[in-house]
Amino acid sequence: MDFSEPELQSPRQQQIVETAFRLLASEGPDALTMRRLAAELGIKAPSLYKHFPDKQAVEAALIDRGFLIWGNAARHAIEQAGDPLANLANAYRSMAVEGPHLYRLMTEGTLDRARLTPGIEDWSAEPLGAPFSDPETARAFWAFLHGMTILEIDCRFPPGADLDRSWKQGVAAFSASVRA
């Protein structure tokens, strides 16, 4: 299965999601209200409900977009020369640090998979599992990436911590398990 763009039925839905994406990126989740979204689009808030039943549906479309961005970045990372795990880690870290609000939307709380484009989550995760013969090791690698990322975004490492070195050490440990 291939995803070039999450499934949106209309150009207006695409415009709504693009505006929501921009709002989320520039101002964070508190700015992402149906009233604010409508104001940005120059329409009344009730008009949004013709295109999305509720705010959670807009958020699901944003998560779809996040999975698309990640899936493409991960596929590109795997194709690059060098250690595929290091490439994946660098791509993951960059995506999350450059778009922390989208990253949080994608990874915090319960994920309502029924609202997502069918198959997009698995498609986006596929490159993370590719280097591993064991899916549980791939999940552990993802947990390492997520833990390091969220701690970095939240500025939870002590001052002076060498995060680049910590990332390299963690990736090296997983790389050794792949080679073993």
Protein backbone atom coordinates (compact mmCIF):
# COMPACT_ATOMS: atom_id res chain seq x y z
CA MET A 1 0.00 0.00 0.00
CA ASP A 2 1.27 3.48 -0.82
CA PHE A 3 0.10 6.84 0.48
CA SER A 4 0.75 9.96 -1.52
CA GLU A 5 -1.74 12.00 0.51
CA PRO A 6 -4.19 10.99 3.25
CA GLU A 7 -7.68 10.55 1.95
CA LEU A 8 -9.66 13.78 2.01
CA GLN A 9 -12.83 13.95 0.01
CA SER A 10 -12.86 17.58 -1.06
CA PRO A 11 -10.64 20.57 -1.80
CA ARG A 12 -12.36 22.38 1.10
CA GLN A 13 -11.34 19.60 3.49
CA GLN A 14 -7.79 19.91 2.21
CA GLN A 15 -7.91 23.65 2.81
CA ILE A 16 -9.23 23.12 6.35
CA VAL A 17 -6.50 20.60 7.15
CA GLU A 18 -3.80 22.83 5.65
CA THR A 19 -4.99 25.75 7.77
CA ALA A 20 -5.19 23.57 10.88
CA PHE A 21 -1.69 22.26 10.17
CA ARG A 22 -0.35 25.80 9.91
CA LEU A 23 -2.16 26.92 13.09
CA LEU A 24 -0.94 23.93 15.04
CA ALA A 25 2.64 24.42 13.89
CA SER A 26 2.79 28.15 14.54
CA GLU A 27 0.67 28.54 17.67
CA GLY A 28 0.23 25.12 19.24
CA PRO A 29 -2.78 23.03 20.18
CA ASP A 30 -4.60 25.78 22.12
CA ALA A 31 -5.02 27.72 18.87
CA LEU A 32 -6.62 24.73 17.19
CA THR A 33 -10.29 25.37 17.90
CA MET A 34 -13.15 25.15 15.44
CA ARG A 35 -13.91 28.83 16.00
CA ARG A 36 -10.31 29.89 15.34
CA LEU A 37 -10.03 27.57 12.36
CA ALA A 38 -13.19 29.05 10.87
CA ALA A 39 -11.93 32.59 11.44
CA GLU A 40 -8.67 31.75 9.65
CA LEU A 41 -10.69 30.40 6.73
CA GLY A 42 -13.04 33.39 6.69
CA ILE A 43 -16.14 31.30 7.40
CA LYS A 44 -18.47 30.75 10.35
CA ALA A 45 -17.61 27.86 12.69
CA PRO A 46 -20.84 25.91 11.93
CA SER A 47 -19.74 25.73 8.28
CA LEU A 48 -16.79 23.56 9.31
CA TYR A 49 -19.18 20.85 10.45
CA LYS A 50 -20.28 20.33 6.86
CA HIS A 51 -16.76 19.04 6.19
CA PHE A 52 -15.69 17.51 9.51
CA PRO A 53 -18.10 16.23 12.16
CA ASP A 54 -15.99 17.52 15.06
CA LYS A 55 -12.58 18.79 16.14
CA GLN A 56 -11.37 15.22 16.69
CA ALA A 57 -11.94 14.51 12.99
CA VAL A 58 -9.74 17.49 12.09
CA GLU A 59 -7.11 16.23 14.52
CA ALA A 60 -7.31 12.76 12.96
CA ALA A 61 -6.67 14.33 9.54
CA LEU A 62 -3.64 16.09 11.02
CA ILE A 63 -2.40 12.81 12.47
CA ASP A 64 -2.86 11.22 9.04
CA ARG A 65 -0.70 14.01 7.62
CA GLY A 66 1.89 13.44 10.34
CA PHE A 67 2.02 9.73 9.52
CA LEU A 68 2.44 10.62 5.86
CA ILE A 69 5.31 13.01 6.65
CA TRP A 70 6.99 10.48 8.91
CA GLY A 71 6.51 7.55 6.54
CA ASN A 72 8.06 9.45 3.65
CA ALA A 73 10.93 10.77 5.80
CA ALA A 74 11.62 7.28 7.13
CA ARG A 75 11.63 5.75 3.66
CA HIS A 76 14.04 8.43 2.49
CA ALA A 77 16.26 7.85 5.55
CA ILE A 78 16.50 4.09 4.91
CA GLU A 79 17.56 4.71 1.31
CA GLN A 80 20.50 6.91 2.35
CA ALA A 81 24.06 5.65 2.69
CA GLY A 82 25.28 4.75 6.15
CA ASP A 83 23.71 3.09 9.16
CA PRO A 84 19.95 2.77 8.52
CA LEU A 85 19.17 3.00 12.25
CA ALA A 86 21.17 6.20 12.63
CA ASN A 87 19.46 7.60 9.56
CA LEU A 88 16.03 6.68 10.96
CA ALA A 89 16.88 8.16 14.36
CA ASN A 90 18.07 11.41 12.79
CA ALA A 91 14.94 11.66 10.64
CA TYR A 92 12.66 10.90 13.60
CA ARG A 93 14.38 13.42 15.84
CA SER A 94 14.31 16.12 13.17
CA MET A 95 10.64 15.61 12.38
CA ALA A 96 9.65 15.76 16.04
CA VAL A 97 11.87 18.66 17.09
CA GLU A 98 10.91 20.73 14.04
CA GLY A 99 7.18 20.03 14.55
CA PRO A 100 6.70 19.40 18.27
CA HIS A 101 2.98 20.22 18.31
CA LEU A 102 2.19 17.77 15.52
CA TYR A 103 4.48 15.21 17.16
CA ARG A 104 2.60 15.50 20.45
CA LEU A 105 -0.75 15.25 18.67
CA MET A 106 0.47 12.04 17.03
CA THR A 107 1.96 10.45 20.16
CA GLU A 108 0.15 11.68 23.28
CA GLY A 109 -2.93 10.03 24.70
CA THR A 110 -5.06 7.32 23.20
CA LEU A 111 -4.99 7.07 19.43
CA ASP A 112 -8.47 6.70 17.91
CA ARG A 113 -7.36 4.47 15.03
CA ALA A 114 -10.91 4.20 13.69
CA ARG A 115 -10.71 7.85 12.61
CA LEU A 116 -7.45 7.43 10.68
CA THR A 117 -7.02 6.55 7.03
CA PRO A 118 -6.99 2.73 7.02
CA GLY A 119 -3.45 1.38 6.89
CA ILE A 120 -1.62 4.70 7.22
CA GLU A 121 -0.24 4.01 10.70
CA ASP A 122 1.20 0.63 9.66
CA TRP A 123 2.55 2.12 6.42
CA SER A 124 4.31 4.89 8.30
CA ALA A 125 5.79 2.50 10.86
CA GLU A 126 6.99 -0.03 8.30
CA PRO A 127 10.48 1.52 7.80
CA LEU A 128 11.12 1.44 11.56
CA GLY A 129 10.60 -2.30 11.59
CA ALA A 130 12.51 -3.02 8.38
CA PRO A 131 16.01 -3.32 9.90
CA PHE A 132 14.84 -5.72 12.63
CA SER A 133 13.99 -9.40 12.40
CA ASP A 134 12.01 -9.19 15.64
CA PRO A 135 9.02 -6.83 15.87
CA GLU A 136 9.49 -6.40 19.63
CA THR A 137 13.03 -5.10 19.09
CA ALA A 138 11.61 -2.68 16.53
CA ARG A 139 9.07 -1.52 19.14
CA ALA A 140 11.87 -1.08 21.67
CA PHE A 141 13.76 1.03 19.12
CA TRP A 142 10.67 3.18 18.58
CA ALA A 143 10.28 3.54 22.36
CA PHE A 144 13.92 4.68 22.56
CA LEU A 145 13.33 7.23 19.78
CA HIS A 146 10.14 8.49 21.38
CA GLY A 147 11.59 8.68 24.88
CA MET A 148 14.68 10.58 23.76
CA THR A 149 12.58 12.87 21.60
CA ILE A 150 9.93 13.79 24.12
CA LEU A 151 12.54 14.37 26.83
CA GLU A 152 14.43 16.65 24.45
CA ILE A 153 11.29 18.55 23.42
CA ASP A 154 10.34 18.98 27.09
CA CYS A 155 13.89 20.14 28.00
CA ARG A 156 14.09 17.41 30.65
CA PHE A 157 17.74 16.55 30.21
CA PRO A 158 20.07 18.25 32.67
CA PRO A 159 22.01 21.29 31.51
CA GLY A 160 25.17 20.29 29.71
CA ALA A 161 23.85 16.86 28.70
CA ASP A 162 25.40 15.77 25.40
CA LEU A 163 22.22 14.76 23.58
CA ASP A 164 23.96 14.05 20.30
CA ARG A 165 26.24 11.59 22.10
CA SER A 166 23.29 10.05 23.95
CA TRP A 167 21.46 9.55 20.66
CA LYS A 168 24.56 7.97 19.10
CA GLN A 169 25.06 5.63 22.06
CA GLY A 170 21.44 4.47 21.98
CA VAL A 171 21.45 3.92 18.24
CA ALA A 172 24.78 2.08 18.49
CA ALA A 173 23.27 -0.33 21.02
CA PHE A 174 20.38 -1.12 18.69
CA SER A 175 22.70 -1.34 15.68
CA ALA A 176 24.76 -3.93 17.54
CA SER A 177 21.61 -6.00 18.15
CA VAL A 178 20.78 -5.91 14.43
CA ARG A 179 24.28 -7.09 13.51
CA ALA A 180 24.21 -9.90 16.11
